[in-house]
Protein backbone atom coordinates (compact mmCIF):
# COMPACT_ATOMS: atom_id res chain seq x y z
CA MET A 1 8.98 8.96 -10.82
CA ALA A 2 5.38 9.91 -10.07
CA ARG A 3 2.76 7.31 -10.96
CA THR A 4 0.31 8.20 -13.71
CA LEU A 5 -3.13 6.60 -13.56
CA ASN A 6 -5.61 6.12 -16.37
CA LEU A 7 -8.25 8.40 -14.88
CA ALA A 8 -10.74 7.62 -17.64
CA ASP A 9 -10.73 3.96 -16.58
CA ILE A 10 -11.31 4.54 -12.84
CA GLN A 11 -14.67 5.34 -11.30
CA GLY A 12 -14.62 8.87 -9.93
CA ASN A 13 -15.84 8.18 -6.39
CA VAL A 14 -12.70 6.13 -5.75
CA LEU A 15 -10.22 8.95 -6.22
CA ARG A 16 -12.20 11.80 -4.69
CA PRO A 17 -15.29 12.68 -2.70
CA TYR A 18 -17.53 14.69 -4.99
CA GLY A 19 -18.63 17.27 -2.44
CA LEU A 20 -22.18 17.15 -3.81
CA PRO A 21 -24.73 17.57 -0.98
CA LYS A 22 -27.53 15.23 -2.11
CA ALA A 23 -27.51 11.50 -2.83
CA ARG A 24 -29.70 8.50 -3.54
CA PHE A 25 -28.42 4.97 -3.18
CA PHE A 26 -30.27 2.34 -5.24
CA LEU A 27 -29.99 -1.36 -4.40
CA LEU A 28 -30.87 -3.55 -7.39
CA ASN A 29 -31.73 -7.21 -7.63
CA ILE A 30 -31.17 -9.28 -10.79
CA GLN A 31 -33.22 -12.42 -11.29
CA SER A 32 -30.96 -15.46 -11.23
CA SER A 33 -31.62 -16.82 -14.69
CA ASP A 34 -30.11 -16.57 -18.15
CA LYS A 35 -32.74 -13.99 -19.07
CA GLY A 36 -32.11 -12.09 -15.85
CA ALA A 37 -28.37 -12.02 -16.55
CA GLN A 38 -29.04 -10.74 -20.06
CA GLU A 39 -31.29 -7.94 -18.79
CA GLY A 40 -28.80 -7.11 -16.05
CA ARG A 41 -26.03 -6.74 -18.60
CA LYS A 42 -28.26 -4.48 -20.70
CA LEU A 43 -28.79 -2.24 -17.69
CA VAL A 44 -25.03 -2.15 -16.96
CA GLU A 45 -24.39 -1.14 -20.56
CA ALA A 46 -26.93 1.68 -20.35
CA LEU A 47 -25.48 2.93 -17.06
CA ARG A 48 -21.87 2.54 -18.22
CA HIS A 49 -22.16 5.44 -20.62
CA ARG A 50 -23.16 7.74 -17.76
CA VAL A 51 -20.75 6.52 -15.09
CA THR A 52 -18.68 9.35 -13.64
CA THR A 53 -14.96 8.71 -14.07
CA ALA A 54 -11.96 10.14 -12.25
CA LEU A 55 -11.22 12.62 -15.04
CA PRO A 56 -10.90 16.13 -13.55
CA TRP A 57 -13.45 18.89 -13.92
CA LYS A 58 -13.24 22.63 -13.55
CA PRO A 59 -12.99 23.76 -9.89
CA ARG A 60 -15.78 26.03 -8.70
CA ARG A 61 -13.43 28.19 -6.68
CA SER A 62 -9.80 29.08 -7.12
CA THR A 63 -7.11 27.32 -5.09
CA PRO A 64 -3.39 28.04 -4.75
CA VAL A 65 -2.65 25.52 -7.51
CA SER A 66 -5.65 25.79 -9.83
CA SER A 67 -6.56 28.61 -12.15
CA GLY A 68 -9.85 27.11 -13.30
CA ASP A 69 -8.58 25.59 -16.56
CA SER A 70 -11.12 26.55 -19.20
CA THR A 71 -10.45 23.33 -21.12
CA LEU A 72 -11.89 21.22 -18.30
CA PRO A 73 -15.60 20.36 -18.24
CA PRO A 74 -17.70 21.96 -15.49
CA LYS A 75 -18.46 20.03 -12.32
CA PRO A 76 -21.52 17.86 -13.07
CA LYS A 77 -24.81 18.42 -11.31
CA VAL A 78 -25.35 14.65 -11.04
CA THR A 79 -22.89 11.76 -10.84
CA ILE A 80 -23.48 8.01 -11.25
CA ASN A 81 -21.33 5.10 -10.03
CA LEU A 82 -21.78 1.32 -9.94
CA ALA A 83 -20.68 -1.47 -7.63
CA PHE A 84 -21.60 -5.17 -7.31
CA THR A 85 -21.87 -7.76 -4.56
CA PHE A 86 -20.39 -11.21 -5.15
CA TRP A 87 -23.85 -12.61 -5.83
CA GLY A 88 -24.55 -9.70 -8.13
CA LEU A 89 -21.54 -10.66 -10.25
CA ALA A 90 -22.79 -14.24 -10.25
CA ALA A 91 -26.29 -13.13 -11.32
CA LEU A 92 -24.70 -11.23 -14.22
CA GLY A 93 -23.19 -14.47 -15.49
CA LEU A 94 -19.52 -14.12 -14.59
CA PRO A 95 -17.67 -17.43 -15.02
CA PRO A 96 -16.98 -19.51 -11.86
CA ALA A 97 -13.22 -19.36 -12.53
CA THR A 98 -13.38 -15.60 -12.04
CA LEU A 99 -15.79 -15.64 -9.10
CA ARG A 100 -14.00 -18.27 -7.02
CA THR A 101 -10.75 -16.27 -6.95
CA MET A 102 -12.43 -13.26 -5.35
CA PRO A 103 -11.44 -12.56 -1.69
CA ASP A 104 -13.16 -14.77 0.88
CA GLU A 105 -14.63 -11.89 2.87
CA PHE A 106 -16.16 -10.43 -0.30
CA ILE A 107 -17.67 -13.80 -1.22
CA GLU A 108 -19.16 -14.27 2.27
CA GLY A 109 -20.52 -10.72 2.47
CA MET A 110 -21.00 -8.39 5.42
CA LYS A 111 -24.10 -10.07 6.83
CA ALA A 112 -22.32 -13.41 7.24
CA ARG A 113 -19.50 -11.63 9.09
CA ALA A 114 -21.74 -9.54 11.36
CA SER A 115 -20.57 -11.16 14.60
CA LEU A 116 -16.93 -10.70 13.64
CA LEU A 117 -17.57 -7.02 12.92
CA GLY A 118 -19.80 -6.45 15.96
CA ASP A 119 -22.76 -5.54 13.76
CA ASP A 120 -25.26 -7.57 15.77
CA VAL A 121 -25.77 -5.01 18.54
CA CYS A 122 -28.61 -2.51 18.94
CA ARG A 123 -30.50 -0.58 21.61
CA ARG A 124 -33.93 -1.83 22.62
CA ASP A 125 -36.13 -0.44 25.43
CA GLY A 126 -33.26 1.70 26.70
CA ARG A 127 -30.93 -1.30 26.92
CA ASP A 128 -28.05 -2.34 24.70
CA ARG A 129 -28.44 -5.90 23.48
CA ARG A 130 -26.53 -8.36 21.36
CA GLU A 131 -28.99 -10.26 19.22
CA SER A 132 -29.73 -11.27 15.64
CA LEU A 133 -29.93 -8.83 12.76
CA ASP A 134 -33.60 -8.00 13.37
CA HIS A 135 -32.65 -4.34 13.70
CA TRP A 136 -31.27 -4.22 10.13
CA ASP A 137 -33.41 -2.57 7.45
CA PRO A 138 -35.60 -5.12 5.60
CA VAL A 139 -33.82 -4.46 2.30
CA TRP A 140 -30.63 -6.03 3.71
CA LYS A 141 -32.25 -9.11 5.24
CA GLY A 142 -33.39 -10.82 2.05
CA THR A 143 -32.25 -14.43 1.87
CA GLY A 144 -33.67 -15.71 -1.41
CA SER A 145 -31.97 -14.92 -4.70
CA ASP A 146 -34.92 -12.71 -5.65
CA GLN A 147 -34.38 -10.54 -2.55
CA GLN A 148 -30.60 -10.29 -2.44
CA VAL A 149 -28.82 -6.99 -3.05
CA HIS A 150 -26.81 -7.36 -6.26
CA VAL A 151 -25.99 -3.87 -7.51
CA LEU A 152 -25.34 -0.55 -5.78
CA VAL A 153 -26.02 2.53 -7.90
CA SER A 154 -24.78 5.70 -6.17
CA VAL A 155 -26.27 8.94 -7.50
CA TYR A 156 -24.89 12.19 -6.06
CA ALA A 157 -26.41 15.56 -6.94
CA ASP A 158 -26.05 19.30 -6.43
CA MET A 159 -28.69 21.48 -4.77
CA ASN A 160 -30.48 24.76 -5.38
CA SER A 161 -29.98 27.84 -3.20
CA ASP A 162 -33.01 26.91 -1.10
CA GLY A 163 -31.48 23.53 -0.25
CA SER A 164 -33.65 21.45 -2.57
CA PRO A 165 -31.97 18.97 -4.94
CA VAL A 166 -31.47 20.01 -8.55
CA ALA A 167 -34.08 18.73 -11.02
CA GLU A 168 -31.47 16.45 -12.60
CA LEU A 169 -31.57 14.17 -9.55
CA GLU A 170 -35.23 13.30 -10.02
CA ALA A 171 -34.76 13.00 -13.78
CA THR A 172 -31.89 10.54 -13.25
CA THR A 173 -33.97 8.62 -10.70
CA GLN A 174 -36.86 8.18 -13.14
CA TRP A 175 -34.46 7.21 -15.94
CA LEU A 176 -32.88 4.51 -13.77
CA LEU A 177 -36.22 3.17 -12.56
CA GLY A 178 -37.39 3.19 -16.18
CA LEU A 179 -34.44 0.99 -17.14
CA CYS A 180 -35.53 -1.47 -14.46
CA ASP A 181 -39.11 -1.40 -15.74
CA GLN A 182 -37.88 -2.18 -19.26
CA SER A 183 -36.40 -5.43 -17.95
CA GLY A 184 -39.89 -6.80 -17.36
CA GLY A 185 -39.25 -7.24 -13.64
CA LEU A 186 -36.00 -9.15 -14.12
CA VAL A 187 -34.05 -6.21 -12.65
CA ARG A 188 -35.71 -4.47 -9.69
CA ALA A 189 -34.88 -1.54 -7.42
CA LEU A 190 -35.47 -3.01 -3.96
CA LYS A 191 -37.60 -1.32 -1.34
CA GLY A 192 -37.31 -1.87 2.40
CA HIS A 193 -35.30 1.16 3.46
CA ALA A 194 -36.54 2.02 6.95
CA GLY A 195 -38.73 5.09 7.26
CA THR A 196 -39.83 5.20 3.61
CA ASP A 197 -41.47 3.18 0.86
CA LEU A 198 -39.14 4.64 -1.78
CA PRO A 199 -36.96 2.28 -3.85
CA TYR A 200 -33.76 4.03 -2.73
CA GLN A 201 -31.97 5.31 0.36
CA GLU A 202 -32.33 9.09 0.49
CA SER A 203 -29.34 10.96 1.84
CA ALA A 204 -28.33 14.60 2.16
CA MET A 205 -25.80 16.71 3.98
CA LEU A 206 -27.15 18.83 6.82
CA LEU A 207 -27.84 22.45 5.91
CA GLU A 208 -27.71 25.80 7.71
CA PRO A 209 -28.64 29.39 6.72
CA ASP A 210 -25.83 31.38 5.08
CA GLY A 211 -27.09 34.79 6.22
CA ASN A 212 -28.37 35.75 2.76
CA GLY A 213 -31.61 33.82 2.84
CA ASN A 214 -30.05 30.74 1.21
CA GLN A 215 -29.01 27.33 2.52
CA GLN A 216 -25.43 26.12 2.73
CA VAL A 217 -23.84 22.80 3.62
CA SER A 218 -22.74 22.58 7.26
CA PHE A 219 -20.40 19.53 6.94
CA LYS A 220 -21.62 18.29 10.33
CA GLU A 221 -23.03 14.93 11.27
CA HIS A 222 -25.95 14.37 13.65
CA PHE A 223 -23.88 14.35 16.86
CA GLY A 224 -22.81 17.90 15.98
CA PHE A 225 -19.21 17.38 14.85
CA THR A 226 -17.71 18.67 11.62
CA ASP A 227 -16.65 15.69 9.53
CA GLY A 228 -14.69 14.88 6.39
CA TYR A 229 -11.05 15.51 7.31
CA GLY A 230 -7.91 13.53 6.62
CA ASP A 231 -8.73 11.32 3.63
CA PRO A 232 -5.71 9.25 2.51
CA VAL A 233 -3.50 10.42 -0.35
CA PHE A 234 -1.93 7.80 -2.63
CA GLU A 235 0.40 7.80 -5.61
CA GLY A 236 -1.27 9.01 -8.80
CA GLN A 237 -4.43 10.23 -7.06
CA TYR A 238 -3.70 13.94 -7.61
CA PRO A 239 -1.55 16.05 -9.94
CA PRO A 240 1.89 16.78 -8.36
CA GLU A 241 1.03 20.32 -7.28
CA GLN A 242 -2.22 19.29 -5.63
CA GLU A 243 -0.57 16.25 -4.06
CA LYS A 244 1.88 18.49 -2.19
CA ILE A 245 -1.03 20.39 -0.65
CA ASN A 246 -3.02 17.28 0.32
CA LEU A 247 -0.11 15.19 1.63
CA PRO A 248 0.20 16.54 5.20
CA GLY A 249 -2.20 14.51 7.29
CA GLY A 250 -3.28 12.42 4.30
CA GLY A 251 -0.11 10.61 3.34
CA LYS A 252 2.18 8.34 5.32
CA ILE A 253 4.78 9.52 7.82
CA LEU A 254 8.35 8.63 6.91
CA PRO A 255 11.08 7.96 9.51
CA ASP A 256 12.35 11.53 9.09
CA GLN A 257 8.80 12.71 9.97
CA THR A 258 7.99 14.06 6.49
CA TRP A 259 4.86 13.06 4.55
CA ALA A 260 4.74 10.90 1.41
CA PRO A 261 1.85 9.43 -0.64
CA LEU A 262 0.71 5.92 0.20
CA ALA A 263 1.22 3.14 -2.33
CA THR A 264 -1.46 3.00 -5.03
CA GLY A 265 -2.07 -0.70 -4.36
CA GLU A 266 -3.59 0.08 -0.97
CA PHE A 267 -6.64 1.45 -2.78
CA LEU A 268 -6.57 0.25 -6.40
CA LEU A 269 -6.13 -3.34 -7.57
CA GLY A 270 -3.32 -4.13 -9.97
CA TYR A 271 -0.65 -1.93 -8.36
CA PRO A 272 2.06 -2.53 -5.70
CA ASP A 273 0.91 -1.89 -2.14
CA GLU A 274 2.88 -0.76 0.91
CA ALA A 275 4.50 -4.22 1.10
CA GLN A 276 5.66 -3.77 -2.50
CA GLU A 277 3.42 -6.64 -3.50
CA VAL A 278 0.65 -6.80 -6.07
CA PRO A 279 -2.13 -8.71 -4.27
CA PRO A 280 -3.68 -11.74 -6.00
CA ALA A 281 -6.53 -10.83 -8.32
CA SER A 282 -9.27 -12.63 -10.18
CA PHE A 283 -8.67 -13.62 -13.77
CA PRO A 284 -8.54 -12.13 -16.27
CA LEU A 285 -6.31 -9.47 -14.70
CA GLU A 286 -7.96 -6.79 -16.83
CA PHE A 287 -11.18 -7.40 -14.93
CA THR A 288 -9.88 -6.32 -11.51
CA HIS A 289 -7.21 -3.82 -12.66
CA ASN A 290 -8.20 -0.25 -11.63
CA GLY A 291 -11.03 -1.67 -9.55
CA THR A 292 -11.41 -1.80 -5.77
CA PHE A 293 -13.78 -2.79 -2.97
CA VAL A 294 -16.15 -0.83 -0.74
CA ALA A 295 -17.86 -1.61 2.54
CA TYR A 296 -21.27 0.08 2.42
CA ARG A 297 -22.76 0.59 5.89
CA LYS A 298 -25.91 2.29 7.15
CA LEU A 299 -25.06 3.56 10.63
CA HIS A 300 -27.96 4.72 12.79
CA GLN A 301 -27.12 7.38 15.39
CA ASN A 302 -28.93 7.54 18.74
CA VAL A 303 -28.86 11.33 18.83
CA ASP A 304 -31.04 11.92 21.90
CA GLY A 305 -29.14 9.25 23.78
CA PHE A 306 -25.80 10.80 22.91
CA ARG A 307 -26.88 14.31 23.90
CA ALA A 308 -28.43 13.13 27.17
CA TYR A 309 -25.35 11.12 28.13
CA LEU A 310 -23.02 14.00 27.29
CA GLU A 311 -25.00 16.34 29.52
CA GLN A 312 -25.13 13.79 32.34
CA GLU A 313 -21.38 13.20 32.32
CA ALA A 314 -20.55 16.87 31.75
CA THR A 315 -22.31 17.70 35.02
CA LYS A 316 -19.88 15.36 36.80
CA TYR A 317 -16.89 16.60 34.80
CA MET A 318 -17.61 20.17 35.92
CA LYS A 319 -17.18 19.19 39.56
CA VAL A 320 -14.04 17.12 38.96
CA ASN A 321 -12.20 19.82 37.01
CA GLY A 322 -13.74 23.02 38.36
CA ILE A 323 -15.55 24.13 35.21
CA ASN A 324 -18.34 26.66 35.64
CA SER A 325 -20.17 26.23 32.31
CA LEU A 326 -22.15 23.11 31.43
CA GLU A 327 -21.85 23.93 27.72
CA ASP A 328 -18.06 24.18 28.04
CA ALA A 329 -17.93 20.86 29.87
CA LYS A 330 -20.06 19.19 27.17
CA GLU A 331 -17.79 20.62 24.46
CA ILE A 332 -14.69 19.30 26.22
CA LEU A 333 -16.13 15.81 26.80
CA GLY A 334 -17.33 15.56 23.20
CA ALA A 335 -13.93 16.64 21.91
CA LYS A 336 -12.18 14.08 24.12
CA MET A 337 -14.41 11.31 22.74
CA VAL A 338 -13.98 12.32 19.10
CA GLY A 339 -10.43 13.69 19.09
CA ARG A 340 -11.57 17.00 17.58
CA TRP A 341 -13.58 19.94 18.81
CA SER A 342 -17.08 20.26 17.36
CA ASP A 343 -15.82 22.52 14.53
CA GLY A 344 -13.13 20.03 13.51
CA VAL A 345 -10.12 21.60 15.24
CA PRO A 346 -7.85 18.70 16.33
CA LEU A 347 -7.05 18.36 20.02
CA THR A 348 -3.36 18.04 19.20
CA LYS A 349 -3.45 21.61 17.88
CA ALA A 350 -5.66 23.00 20.64
CA PRO A 351 -5.73 20.68 23.68
CA THR A 352 -7.58 23.05 26.06
CA LEU A 353 -10.71 25.15 25.82
CA SER A 354 -8.69 28.38 25.84
CA ASP A 355 -6.37 26.99 23.15
CA TRP A 356 -9.39 26.15 21.03
CA ARG A 357 -10.89 29.62 21.29
CA ALA A 358 -7.54 31.19 20.43
CA PHE A 359 -7.29 28.85 17.41
CA GLN A 360 -10.78 29.89 16.30
CA ALA A 361 -9.87 33.57 16.50
CA ARG A 362 -6.71 33.09 14.43
CA ASP A 363 -8.53 30.99 11.85
CA LYS A 364 -11.35 33.53 11.50
CA ALA A 365 -8.86 36.38 10.97
CA VAL A 366 -7.02 34.45 8.25
CA ARG A 367 -10.20 33.59 6.35
CA ALA A 368 -11.36 37.19 6.51
CA THR A 369 -8.34 38.19 4.40
CA GLY A 370 -9.60 36.17 1.41
CA ASP A 371 -5.99 35.24 0.59
CA PRO A 372 -6.15 31.72 -0.95
CA VAL A 373 -2.55 30.92 0.04
CA ALA A 374 -3.12 31.93 3.67
CA ILE A 375 -6.43 30.07 3.75
CA ALA A 376 -4.77 26.94 2.36
CA ALA A 377 -2.19 27.16 5.15
CA ALA A 378 -5.00 27.55 7.68
CA ASP A 379 -6.72 24.46 6.24
CA LEU A 380 -3.55 22.45 6.92
CA GLU A 381 -3.91 23.13 10.64
CA PHE A 382 -6.93 20.83 10.65
CA VAL A 383 -5.06 17.83 9.20
CA ASP A 384 -1.28 18.27 9.56
CA PHE A 385 -0.57 16.81 12.99
CA LYS A 386 1.00 13.77 14.64
CA TYR A 387 0.77 11.99 17.99
CA ARG A 388 4.46 11.50 18.65
CA ALA A 389 4.59 14.29 21.25
CA ASP A 390 1.45 13.04 23.04
CA PRO A 391 2.28 9.43 23.99
CA GLU A 392 0.11 9.46 27.13
CA GLY A 393 -2.97 10.86 25.41
CA ALA A 394 -3.03 13.94 27.63
CA LYS A 395 -3.97 16.13 24.66
CA CYS A 396 -5.89 13.68 22.48
CA PRO A 397 -6.86 10.46 24.30
CA PHE A 398 -5.23 7.54 22.51
CA THR A 399 -8.52 5.64 22.54
CA SER A 400 -10.61 8.50 21.11
CA HIS A 401 -12.43 7.84 17.84
CA LEU A 402 -9.99 9.88 15.76
CA ARG A 403 -6.87 8.29 17.19
CA ARG A 404 -8.26 4.78 16.84
CA THR A 405 -9.33 5.02 13.20
CA ASN A 406 -6.17 6.75 11.91
CA THR A 407 -3.35 6.09 14.35
CA ARG A 408 -0.84 8.13 12.30
CA ASP A 409 2.47 7.69 14.17
CA GLY A 410 0.74 6.89 17.47
CA LEU A 411 1.74 3.20 17.40
CA ASP A 412 5.38 3.85 16.52
CA PRO A 413 7.30 1.48 18.84
CA THR A 414 10.33 3.79 18.78
CA GLY A 415 8.37 6.83 19.97
CA PRO A 416 9.02 8.65 23.27
CA THR A 417 7.73 6.98 26.42
CA THR A 418 7.07 10.10 28.48
CA ASN A 419 5.00 13.20 27.93
CA PRO A 420 7.45 15.95 26.93
CA LEU A 421 7.40 19.45 28.33
CA PRO A 422 6.03 22.17 26.01
CA SER A 423 9.56 23.38 25.26
CA GLU A 424 10.52 19.87 24.11
CA VAL A 425 7.57 19.14 21.81
CA THR A 426 9.17 20.36 18.58
CA LYS A 427 12.33 18.41 19.35
CA VAL A 428 10.36 15.21 20.00
CA GLU A 429 8.30 15.55 16.81
CA ALA A 430 11.47 15.87 14.76
CA GLN A 431 13.08 12.70 16.14
CA PRO A 432 13.59 9.89 13.60
CA GLY A 433 11.41 6.83 14.04
CA ASN A 434 9.41 4.19 12.22
CA GLY A 435 6.80 6.69 11.16
CA SER A 436 3.39 5.17 10.49
CA VAL A 437 4.30 1.73 9.08
CA ILE A 438 1.64 -0.07 11.14
CA ASN A 439 -1.00 2.45 10.12
CA ASN A 440 -0.11 2.58 6.43
CA ARG A 441 -1.75 -0.77 5.71
CA ARG A 442 -4.99 0.11 7.51
CA ARG A 443 -6.01 3.31 5.72
CA LEU A 444 -9.51 3.78 4.28
CA LEU A 445 -10.93 6.16 1.72
CA ARG A 446 -14.15 7.44 3.32
CA ARG A 447 -17.19 8.23 1.22
CA GLY A 448 -20.94 8.63 1.82
CA MET A 449 -22.96 11.19 3.78
CA VAL A 450 -25.57 11.67 6.49
CA TYR A 451 -29.23 10.73 6.13
CA GLY A 452 -32.31 11.98 7.95
CA LYS A 453 -32.75 14.96 10.28
CA SER A 454 -31.92 15.42 13.96
CA ASP A 455 -33.66 18.67 14.92
CA GLY A 456 -36.61 18.85 17.31
CA THR A 457 -38.56 15.59 17.54
CA ASN A 458 -36.41 14.21 14.71
CA ALA A 459 -33.64 13.75 17.29
CA ARG A 460 -35.44 10.89 19.03
CA ASP A 461 -33.42 7.69 18.98
CA GLU A 462 -36.16 5.82 17.13
CA ALA A 463 -36.21 8.40 14.29
CA GLU A 464 -34.37 7.79 11.02
CA HIS A 465 -31.01 9.55 11.07
CA GLY A 466 -27.40 8.51 10.77
CA ILE A 467 -24.59 8.15 8.27
CA ILE A 468 -24.28 6.20 5.04
CA PHE A 469 -20.64 5.24 5.49
CA MET A 470 -18.55 3.78 2.68
CA ALA A 471 -14.99 2.56 3.24
CA VAL A 472 -13.05 2.11 -0.02
CA CYS A 473 -9.93 -0.09 0.05
CA ALA A 474 -8.10 -2.78 -1.89
CA SER A 475 -8.38 -5.34 0.92
CA LEU A 476 -11.59 -5.49 2.94
CA PHE A 477 -10.00 -7.96 5.35
CA ARG A 478 -6.68 -6.21 6.00
CA GLN A 479 -8.00 -2.67 5.97
CA PHE A 480 -11.70 -2.24 6.78
CA GLU A 481 -12.25 -5.38 8.87
CA PHE A 482 -9.03 -4.89 10.83
CA VAL A 483 -9.94 -1.32 11.78
CA GLN A 484 -13.53 -2.28 12.62
CA GLN A 485 -12.70 -5.37 14.65
CA GLN A 486 -9.30 -4.57 16.17
CA TRP A 487 -9.32 -0.80 16.64
CA ILE A 488 -13.03 0.04 16.95
CA GLN A 489 -14.23 -3.00 18.91
CA TYR A 490 -11.09 -3.73 20.92
CA GLY A 491 -8.63 -1.65 22.88
CA LEU A 492 -5.55 -3.73 23.50
CA ASP A 493 -3.46 -1.92 20.87
CA PHE A 494 -4.11 1.27 22.87
CA ASN A 495 -3.46 -0.32 26.27
CA VAL A 496 -7.11 -0.06 27.34
CA GLY A 497 -8.01 -3.75 27.37
CA ASN A 498 -11.52 -4.41 26.06
CA ASP A 499 -12.63 -0.77 26.04
CA THR A 500 -14.15 -0.02 22.65
CA CYS A 501 -14.41 3.19 20.62
CA PRO A 502 -16.50 5.71 22.62
CA LEU A 503 -18.57 6.55 19.54
CA LEU A 504 -18.76 3.55 17.19
CA GLY A 505 -17.88 0.73 19.58
CA ASN A 506 -20.28 -1.77 21.08
CA HIS A 507 -20.99 -0.73 24.65
CA GLY A 508 -22.04 -3.63 26.80
CA GLU A 509 -22.92 -3.45 30.47
CA GLY A 510 -20.35 -1.41 32.38
CA ALA A 511 -18.65 -0.02 29.27
CA LYS A 512 -16.41 2.95 30.05
CA TYR A 513 -14.19 5.55 28.44
CA VAL A 514 -11.12 6.85 30.29
CA ILE A 515 -9.93 10.42 29.67
CA PRO A 516 -6.34 10.78 30.92
CA GLY A 517 -5.35 13.72 33.08
CA ASP A 518 -2.79 16.28 31.97
CA ARG A 519 0.01 16.98 34.42
CA GLN A 520 1.03 20.06 32.45
CA THR A 521 -2.35 21.79 32.86
CA GLY A 522 -3.43 20.11 36.08
CA THR A 523 -6.53 18.56 34.49
CA ARG A 524 -7.66 15.52 36.42
CA PRO A 525 -8.47 12.18 34.75
CA PHE A 526 -12.12 11.34 34.24
CA VAL A 527 -14.00 8.11 33.58
CA CYS A 528 -17.14 8.17 31.44
CA ALA A 529 -18.99 5.22 32.97
CA ASN A 530 -21.79 3.02 31.62
CA LEU A 531 -21.57 4.15 28.01
CA PRO A 532 -24.84 3.48 26.17
CA GLN A 533 -24.96 2.38 22.54
CA PHE A 534 -24.54 5.51 20.41
CA VAL A 535 -24.33 3.95 16.93
CA GLU A 536 -26.03 0.85 15.47
CA VAL A 537 -25.50 -0.83 12.11
CA ARG A 538 -28.76 -0.99 10.15
CA GLY A 539 -27.43 -2.92 7.16
CA GLY A 540 -24.81 -3.04 4.46
CA ASP A 541 -22.66 -5.28 2.32
CA TYR A 542 -19.35 -5.59 0.50
CA PHE A 543 -19.22 -4.40 -3.10
CA PHE A 544 -16.68 -4.55 -5.93
CA ILE A 545 -16.20 -1.27 -7.80
CA PRO A 546 -15.09 -2.24 -11.32
CA SER A 547 -13.08 -0.13 -13.71
CA ILE A 548 -14.75 1.23 -16.84
CA THR A 549 -13.01 -1.55 -18.78
CA ALA A 550 -14.50 -4.16 -16.44
CA LEU A 551 -17.95 -2.59 -16.74
CA ARG A 552 -17.68 -2.98 -20.52
CA MET A 553 -16.64 -6.62 -20.08
CA ILE A 554 -19.60 -7.27 -17.78
CA ALA A 555 -22.03 -5.59 -20.15
CA MET A 556 -20.75 -7.57 -23.14
CA GLY A 557 -20.61 -10.86 -21.24
CA THR A 558 -17.09 -11.50 -22.56
CA ILE A 559 -15.11 -12.25 -19.40
CA ASP A 560 -12.75 -15.10 -20.25
CA PRO A 561 -10.63 -16.18 -17.25
CA THR A 562 -8.34 -18.26 -19.45
């Protein structure tokens, strides 16, 4: 029987990305005193009434399973969500019996675990160095209780046709800052976000002209790749009809190679997980039920450095594999690092440049029909794929960013050991196996968006641009930290020793990325040598996202662990 969730009790950014193109992230501090706790609870109560829940709203465009139910409210122009660090919960006056049963990694916080996560690396003077957290934004480096980050308020907003944010975003900003002012300084919106003196982190999707004089969202990040595919699907997250559409690529792979939703407990507390266990929770149980955790990370991208390296290596790749166009060689190398072509087409669906262009032509023709059913089927091509028929990484390198962060069935120990011929691929993909059992317990709901600009002089490595990345999961240790430490910063699971992720990994002296050859197409292997540091962590922390019930308990100060 399908699981039914109390959507009105769950914060909306847990179950779905909003798709709103603008955002501001406020980091609040609560004075550690009885009066500070009282004022903090007053602010939580005021915000609670405006928190966006997981209740559905009316879709803005028709889909194969939605008719735009007129009884649903319209999609909001602004959303608000709340999350708290461990010390934020303490500052709000939660009892020690509740606090001490929180997970260890949440109690310690991201800064204390920086070395474990590899967050203590940055580029300085053209060199990649492991050092202290001096490169983090000042707002994250506060040590005293009056400088700690306690509350994360995420405000997403729509935009006007010219790309500017709707007026409601500024109105909400002033309302929130006004609430802080009313506390008499006991609750403050912290400054210290690099590149600005504003009391929030500004963020916005990149835009491009739509041909009609307006701006539209491009869905690309600063390195030039289309992002946002393959979010997990779990039981109760979507209505049954929508779940069927989202499952391929988002669910788990069963031994018979079909897709099924992941267990709810992988992403929401209080439910069985993939091990059929309900993880330990803080008392009272009502406090953590329907809540979850999020790793908030500000990731700076060295855009100029990435582009320069890609061009340098593409020049070599041209000679090795007889390619005449530098742009084509750059596109191929970028795709091999990411696991997708720059427009999001997966390498498993289009492993060669000619395959990719043929895919693009087919996709364009389908979308020109305007048929929602055909378009939905075309959308599946971007997410519905497996690695079972590519065990040597000839199509999609098994240490590419995509294959590391969502291994799908790529680590199935019962999978084929040789690269099948094209005529055998369908047969191999249909073979029974262990599916994605190893991967099922490492999945992450990805939220957030890009910040800054990367055009012209804005592309310089020292400029402010990157991604506000948020990984939502029930276990920060088993899910986020495992992926970050074991799959991003280590390569043994992929038989590449200490080689790290070509995009997000730490690249020390002599770091390399090996692109396997393809005996079917005659493509020769290639080694990207001396990888520079492409991405640096500029701050972040672990937050607890409470349910609406828990927010009410916090605001009332009535959490009784007995």
